[in-house]
């Protein structure tokens, strides 16, 4: 549940920034989408680390793993939003689809790889 709530907050930040960049500032969607997604990196990482997974290990290893996951997610998100736009759909529809596609996989990646707890410690996620 914490994962979904923190993810929802990060999603709101991401979508808000994307709307600001694209709809208000006129930044092309192909630039605004990955920019907003990458800017939400700090928000998402912090919320998931501190509140969702309550990680206590060293930050550096999880940041590297998270950065690799973000690179994959950025490519997927940009491609899905661009595809939705090419189909004439609103960019927000593409963004929602991208989040749906990545949310399930990200949960398992966060839990068992990015914020994996050392063997022998308890997990209450």
N, C-alpha and C. Protein backbone atom coordinates (compact mmCIF):
# COMPACT_ATOMS: atom_id res chain seq x y z
N UNK A 1 0.83 -1.19 0.00
CA UNK A 1 0.00 0.00 0.00
C UNK A 1 0.88 1.26 0.00
N UNK A 2 1.95 1.24 0.82
CA UNK A 2 2.85 2.40 0.86
C UNK A 2 3.46 2.65 -0.52
N UNK A 3 3.80 1.57 -1.21
CA UNK A 3 4.38 1.69 -2.56
C UNK A 3 3.43 2.44 -3.48
N UNK A 4 2.15 2.09 -3.45
CA UNK A 4 1.18 2.74 -4.32
C UNK A 4 0.95 4.20 -3.95
N UNK A 5 0.89 4.50 -2.66
CA UNK A 5 0.68 5.88 -2.22
C UNK A 5 1.88 6.75 -2.61
N UNK A 6 3.08 6.27 -2.33
CA UNK A 6 4.28 7.04 -2.69
C UNK A 6 4.39 7.18 -4.21
N UNK A 7 4.06 6.11 -4.92
CA UNK A 7 4.06 6.16 -6.38
C UNK A 7 3.05 7.15 -6.90
N UNK A 8 1.89 7.23 -6.26
CA UNK A 8 0.86 8.20 -6.65
C UNK A 8 1.35 9.63 -6.48
N UNK A 9 2.03 9.90 -5.39
CA UNK A 9 2.58 11.24 -5.17
C UNK A 9 3.64 11.58 -6.21
N UNK A 10 4.49 10.62 -6.51
CA UNK A 10 5.53 10.84 -7.51
C UNK A 10 4.91 11.02 -8.90
N UNK A 11 3.85 10.26 -9.19
CA UNK A 11 3.13 10.39 -10.46
C UNK A 11 2.54 11.79 -10.60
N UNK A 12 1.94 12.29 -9.53
CA UNK A 12 1.36 13.64 -9.57
C UNK A 12 2.43 14.69 -9.87
N UNK A 13 3.59 14.54 -9.26
CA UNK A 13 4.70 15.46 -9.52
C UNK A 13 5.13 15.37 -10.99
N UNK A 14 5.28 14.15 -11.49
CA UNK A 14 5.71 13.90 -12.86
C UNK A 14 4.71 14.48 -13.86
N UNK A 15 3.43 14.17 -13.69
CA UNK A 15 2.40 14.65 -14.62
C UNK A 15 2.27 16.16 -14.54
N UNK A 16 2.34 16.70 -13.34
CA UNK A 16 2.26 18.16 -13.19
C UNK A 16 3.39 18.87 -13.91
N UNK A 17 4.59 18.35 -13.77
CA UNK A 17 5.74 18.95 -14.45
C UNK A 17 5.63 18.77 -15.96
N UNK A 18 5.17 17.61 -16.40
CA UNK A 18 4.98 17.37 -17.84
C UNK A 18 3.95 18.35 -18.41
N UNK A 19 2.85 18.54 -17.72
CA UNK A 19 1.83 19.50 -18.17
C UNK A 19 2.40 20.91 -18.22
N UNK A 20 3.14 21.28 -17.21
CA UNK A 20 3.75 22.61 -17.17
C UNK A 20 4.71 22.81 -18.33
N UNK A 21 5.57 21.84 -18.55
CA UNK A 21 6.54 21.96 -19.64
C UNK A 21 5.88 21.96 -21.02
N UNK A 22 4.98 21.00 -21.25
CA UNK A 22 4.40 20.85 -22.58
C UNK A 22 3.25 21.82 -22.84
N UNK A 23 2.27 21.83 -21.95
CA UNK A 23 1.06 22.62 -22.19
C UNK A 23 1.23 24.10 -21.92
N UNK A 24 2.04 24.45 -20.93
CA UNK A 24 2.21 25.86 -20.58
C UNK A 24 3.43 26.46 -21.28
N UNK A 25 4.57 25.78 -21.19
CA UNK A 25 5.80 26.34 -21.74
C UNK A 25 6.01 25.99 -23.22
N UNK A 26 5.21 25.06 -23.76
CA UNK A 26 5.32 24.72 -25.17
C UNK A 26 6.51 23.86 -25.55
N UNK A 27 7.09 23.18 -24.58
CA UNK A 27 8.22 22.29 -24.85
C UNK A 27 7.68 21.07 -25.62
N UNK A 28 8.34 20.67 -26.71
CA UNK A 28 7.86 19.51 -27.46
C UNK A 28 7.72 18.27 -26.56
N UNK A 29 6.70 17.47 -26.83
CA UNK A 29 6.40 16.30 -26.02
C UNK A 29 7.59 15.34 -25.93
N UNK A 30 8.33 15.20 -27.01
CA UNK A 30 9.49 14.29 -27.03
C UNK A 30 10.59 14.76 -26.08
N UNK A 31 10.61 16.02 -25.73
CA UNK A 31 11.58 16.56 -24.78
C UNK A 31 10.96 16.66 -23.38
N UNK A 32 9.71 17.10 -23.32
CA UNK A 32 9.04 17.31 -22.04
C UNK A 32 8.83 16.00 -21.28
N UNK A 33 8.50 14.92 -22.01
CA UNK A 33 8.21 13.64 -21.33
C UNK A 33 9.42 13.10 -20.57
N UNK A 34 10.57 12.92 -21.23
CA UNK A 34 11.70 12.39 -20.45
C UNK A 34 12.23 13.40 -19.43
N UNK A 35 12.11 14.70 -19.72
CA UNK A 35 12.57 15.71 -18.76
C UNK A 35 11.78 15.62 -17.47
N UNK A 36 10.46 15.56 -17.58
CA UNK A 36 9.62 15.48 -16.38
C UNK A 36 9.86 14.16 -15.65
N UNK A 37 9.98 13.08 -16.42
CA UNK A 37 10.19 11.77 -15.82
C UNK A 37 11.52 11.74 -15.06
N UNK A 38 12.56 12.25 -15.66
CA UNK A 38 13.87 12.24 -14.99
C UNK A 38 13.91 13.21 -13.81
N UNK A 39 13.19 14.32 -13.91
CA UNK A 39 13.14 15.26 -12.79
C UNK A 39 12.44 14.63 -11.59
N UNK A 40 11.50 13.74 -11.86
CA UNK A 40 10.80 13.09 -10.75
C UNK A 40 11.66 11.99 -10.11
N UNK A 41 12.84 11.74 -10.65
CA UNK A 41 13.77 10.74 -10.13
C UNK A 41 14.03 10.95 -8.63
N UNK A 42 14.37 12.15 -8.25
CA UNK A 42 14.70 12.42 -6.84
C UNK A 42 13.48 12.23 -5.96
N UNK A 43 12.34 12.71 -6.42
CA UNK A 43 11.10 12.59 -5.63
C UNK A 43 10.75 11.11 -5.45
N UNK A 44 10.73 10.38 -6.55
CA UNK A 44 10.34 8.97 -6.51
C UNK A 44 11.31 8.16 -5.65
N UNK A 45 12.60 8.33 -5.90
CA UNK A 45 13.61 7.57 -5.15
C UNK A 45 13.47 7.83 -3.66
N UNK A 46 13.36 9.09 -3.28
CA UNK A 46 13.30 9.46 -1.87
C UNK A 46 12.04 8.89 -1.21
N UNK A 47 10.89 9.07 -1.86
CA UNK A 47 9.65 8.57 -1.27
C UNK A 47 9.66 7.04 -1.14
N UNK A 48 10.11 6.36 -2.19
CA UNK A 48 10.12 4.89 -2.14
C UNK A 48 11.15 4.39 -1.12
N UNK A 49 12.30 5.00 -1.08
CA UNK A 49 13.36 4.55 -0.16
C UNK A 49 12.95 4.76 1.29
N UNK A 50 12.48 5.96 1.61
CA UNK A 50 12.20 6.29 3.00
C UNK A 50 10.87 5.75 3.51
N UNK A 51 9.84 5.82 2.69
CA UNK A 51 8.50 5.51 3.20
C UNK A 51 7.95 4.17 2.72
N UNK A 52 8.16 3.82 1.47
CA UNK A 52 7.57 2.58 0.97
C UNK A 52 8.37 1.36 1.40
N UNK A 53 9.68 1.40 1.18
CA UNK A 53 10.50 0.22 1.47
C UNK A 53 11.35 0.38 2.73
N UNK A 54 11.36 1.58 3.30
CA UNK A 54 12.08 1.85 4.55
C UNK A 54 13.49 1.27 4.53
N UNK A 55 14.18 1.53 3.44
CA UNK A 55 15.54 1.00 3.26
C UNK A 55 16.49 1.67 4.23
N UNK A 56 17.41 0.89 4.76
CA UNK A 56 18.40 1.41 5.70
C UNK A 56 19.82 1.15 5.24
N UNK A 57 19.97 0.52 4.10
CA UNK A 57 21.31 0.21 3.60
C UNK A 57 21.95 1.47 3.03
N UNK A 58 23.19 1.34 2.57
CA UNK A 58 23.90 2.47 1.97
C UNK A 58 23.14 2.99 0.76
N UNK A 59 23.16 4.29 0.58
CA UNK A 59 22.41 4.92 -0.51
C UNK A 59 23.05 4.63 -1.87
N UNK A 60 24.36 4.71 -1.97
CA UNK A 60 25.04 4.61 -3.28
C UNK A 60 24.66 3.37 -4.09
N UNK A 61 24.70 2.17 -3.52
CA UNK A 61 24.35 1.00 -4.34
C UNK A 61 22.91 1.05 -4.87
N UNK A 62 21.98 1.49 -4.02
CA UNK A 62 20.59 1.53 -4.48
C UNK A 62 20.37 2.64 -5.51
N UNK A 63 21.11 3.73 -5.41
CA UNK A 63 20.99 4.81 -6.40
C UNK A 63 21.46 4.32 -7.77
N UNK A 64 22.52 3.56 -7.80
CA UNK A 64 23.02 3.02 -9.07
C UNK A 64 21.99 2.07 -9.68
N UNK A 65 21.46 1.18 -8.87
CA UNK A 65 20.44 0.24 -9.37
C UNK A 65 19.20 1.00 -9.82
N UNK A 66 18.82 1.99 -9.03
CA UNK A 66 17.63 2.79 -9.38
C UNK A 66 17.87 3.57 -10.67
N UNK A 67 19.05 4.10 -10.85
CA UNK A 67 19.37 4.84 -12.08
C UNK A 67 19.24 3.94 -13.32
N UNK A 68 19.67 2.70 -13.20
CA UNK A 68 19.52 1.76 -14.31
C UNK A 68 18.04 1.50 -14.61
N UNK A 69 17.26 1.34 -13.57
CA UNK A 69 15.83 1.13 -13.74
C UNK A 69 15.17 2.38 -14.34
N UNK A 70 15.59 3.54 -13.90
CA UNK A 70 15.05 4.80 -14.44
C UNK A 70 15.36 4.92 -15.93
N UNK A 71 16.56 4.53 -16.33
CA UNK A 71 16.91 4.60 -17.76
C UNK A 71 15.95 3.74 -18.58
N UNK A 72 15.68 2.53 -18.13
CA UNK A 72 14.74 1.66 -18.82
C UNK A 72 13.34 2.26 -18.82
N UNK A 73 12.89 2.73 -17.67
CA UNK A 73 11.56 3.32 -17.56
C UNK A 73 11.41 4.59 -18.39
N UNK A 74 12.48 5.38 -18.48
CA UNK A 74 12.43 6.61 -19.28
C UNK A 74 12.20 6.27 -20.75
N UNK A 75 12.93 5.29 -21.24
CA UNK A 75 12.76 4.87 -22.64
C UNK A 75 11.35 4.33 -22.88
N UNK A 76 10.86 3.49 -21.98
CA UNK A 76 9.51 2.94 -22.12
C UNK A 76 8.46 4.05 -22.08
N UNK A 77 8.57 4.93 -21.10
CA UNK A 77 7.59 6.01 -20.94
C UNK A 77 7.58 6.93 -22.15
N UNK A 78 8.76 7.33 -22.60
CA UNK A 78 8.85 8.24 -23.75
C UNK A 78 8.24 7.57 -24.99
N UNK A 79 8.54 6.31 -25.19
CA UNK A 79 8.00 5.59 -26.33
C UNK A 79 6.49 5.44 -26.28
N UNK A 80 5.95 5.13 -25.11
CA UNK A 80 4.51 4.96 -24.97
C UNK A 80 3.78 6.29 -25.14
N UNK A 81 4.28 7.36 -24.54
CA UNK A 81 3.64 8.67 -24.68
C UNK A 81 3.71 9.14 -26.13
N UNK A 82 4.85 8.94 -26.77
CA UNK A 82 4.99 9.33 -28.18
C UNK A 82 4.04 8.50 -29.07
N UNK A 83 3.90 7.24 -28.77
CA UNK A 83 2.99 6.38 -29.54
C UNK A 83 1.54 6.82 -29.38
N UNK A 84 1.16 7.14 -28.15
CA UNK A 84 -0.20 7.63 -27.91
C UNK A 84 -0.44 8.92 -28.68
N UNK A 85 0.53 9.81 -28.64
CA UNK A 85 0.42 11.08 -29.36
C UNK A 85 0.32 10.84 -30.87
N UNK A 86 1.10 9.91 -31.40
CA UNK A 86 1.06 9.59 -32.83
C UNK A 86 -0.30 9.02 -33.23
N UNK A 87 -0.97 8.35 -32.31
CA UNK A 87 -2.30 7.81 -32.57
C UNK A 87 -3.39 8.87 -32.44
N UNK A 88 -2.98 10.08 -32.03
CA UNK A 88 -3.95 11.16 -31.85
C UNK A 88 -4.60 11.18 -30.48
N UNK A 89 -4.07 10.39 -29.57
CA UNK A 89 -4.60 10.36 -28.20
C UNK A 89 -3.98 11.50 -27.40
N UNK A 90 -4.61 11.92 -26.31
CA UNK A 90 -3.99 12.93 -25.44
C UNK A 90 -2.72 12.36 -24.80
N UNK A 91 -1.74 13.21 -24.58
CA UNK A 91 -0.49 12.74 -23.98
C UNK A 91 -0.75 12.12 -22.61
N UNK A 92 -1.76 12.64 -21.90
CA UNK A 92 -2.05 12.12 -20.56
C UNK A 92 -2.47 10.64 -20.63
N UNK A 93 -3.19 10.26 -21.67
CA UNK A 93 -3.56 8.85 -21.84
C UNK A 93 -2.30 7.99 -21.98
N UNK A 94 -1.35 8.46 -22.77
CA UNK A 94 -0.08 7.74 -22.92
C UNK A 94 0.67 7.65 -21.61
N UNK A 95 0.64 8.72 -20.85
CA UNK A 95 1.35 8.74 -19.56
C UNK A 95 0.71 7.74 -18.59
N UNK A 96 -0.60 7.69 -18.55
CA UNK A 96 -1.30 6.76 -17.66
C UNK A 96 -1.00 5.31 -18.08
N UNK A 97 -1.01 5.05 -19.38
CA UNK A 97 -0.68 3.71 -19.86
C UNK A 97 0.75 3.34 -19.48
N UNK A 98 1.67 4.27 -19.65
CA UNK A 98 3.07 4.02 -19.30
C UNK A 98 3.22 3.69 -17.81
N UNK A 99 2.51 4.42 -16.98
CA UNK A 99 2.58 4.16 -15.53
C UNK A 99 2.01 2.78 -15.23
N UNK A 100 0.91 2.43 -15.86
CA UNK A 100 0.32 1.11 -15.64
C UNK A 100 1.28 0.00 -16.05
N UNK A 101 1.97 0.20 -17.15
CA UNK A 101 2.90 -0.81 -17.66
C UNK A 101 4.09 -0.98 -16.71
N UNK A 102 4.60 0.12 -16.18
CA UNK A 102 5.82 0.05 -15.37
C UNK A 102 5.58 -0.20 -13.88
N UNK A 103 4.40 0.09 -13.37
CA UNK A 103 4.15 0.00 -11.93
C UNK A 103 4.38 -1.39 -11.36
N UNK A 104 3.83 -2.40 -11.98
CA UNK A 104 3.95 -3.76 -11.44
C UNK A 104 5.41 -4.22 -11.47
N UNK A 105 6.06 -4.07 -12.60
CA UNK A 105 7.46 -4.48 -12.71
C UNK A 105 8.35 -3.71 -11.76
N UNK A 106 8.07 -2.42 -11.60
CA UNK A 106 8.89 -1.60 -10.70
C UNK A 106 8.77 -2.05 -9.25
N UNK A 107 7.58 -2.46 -8.84
CA UNK A 107 7.42 -2.91 -7.45
C UNK A 107 8.40 -4.05 -7.15
N UNK A 108 8.42 -5.04 -8.03
CA UNK A 108 9.31 -6.18 -7.80
C UNK A 108 10.78 -5.79 -7.95
N UNK A 109 11.07 -4.89 -8.88
CA UNK A 109 12.45 -4.43 -9.03
C UNK A 109 12.90 -3.66 -7.79
N UNK A 110 12.03 -2.80 -7.24
CA UNK A 110 12.36 -2.06 -6.03
C UNK A 110 12.56 -3.02 -4.86
N UNK A 111 11.60 -3.90 -4.67
CA UNK A 111 11.63 -4.76 -3.49
C UNK A 111 12.79 -5.75 -3.49
N UNK A 112 13.05 -6.35 -4.64
CA UNK A 112 14.03 -7.43 -4.66
C UNK A 112 15.39 -7.04 -5.25
N UNK A 113 15.51 -5.84 -5.78
CA UNK A 113 16.78 -5.46 -6.39
C UNK A 113 17.24 -4.08 -5.91
N UNK A 114 16.46 -3.04 -6.12
CA UNK A 114 16.89 -1.68 -5.78
C UNK A 114 17.05 -1.52 -4.27
N UNK A 115 16.00 -1.86 -3.52
CA UNK A 115 16.01 -1.69 -2.07
C UNK A 115 16.02 -3.03 -1.34
N UNK A 116 16.64 -4.02 -1.93
CA UNK A 116 16.67 -5.36 -1.32
C UNK A 116 17.32 -5.29 0.05
N UNK A 117 16.69 -5.93 1.00
CA UNK A 117 17.23 -5.97 2.36
C UNK A 117 18.24 -7.09 2.46
N UNK A 118 19.23 -6.92 3.30
CA UNK A 118 20.21 -8.00 3.48
C UNK A 118 19.51 -9.27 3.95
N UNK A 119 20.04 -10.39 3.56
CA UNK A 119 19.47 -11.68 3.97
C UNK A 119 19.41 -11.74 5.51
N UNK A 120 18.30 -12.27 6.00
CA UNK A 120 18.15 -12.42 7.43
C UNK A 120 17.40 -11.28 8.09
N UNK A 121 17.18 -10.15 7.38
CA UNK A 121 16.40 -9.07 7.97
C UNK A 121 14.96 -9.25 7.60
N UNK A 122 14.06 -8.71 8.41
CA UNK A 122 12.63 -8.89 8.13
C UNK A 122 12.17 -7.84 7.14
N UNK A 123 11.14 -8.21 6.35
CA UNK A 123 10.56 -7.29 5.38
C UNK A 123 9.07 -7.19 5.66
N UNK A 124 8.62 -5.99 5.83
CA UNK A 124 7.19 -5.71 6.03
C UNK A 124 6.77 -4.63 5.06
N UNK A 125 6.54 -5.04 3.82
CA UNK A 125 6.15 -4.08 2.80
C UNK A 125 4.72 -4.32 2.42
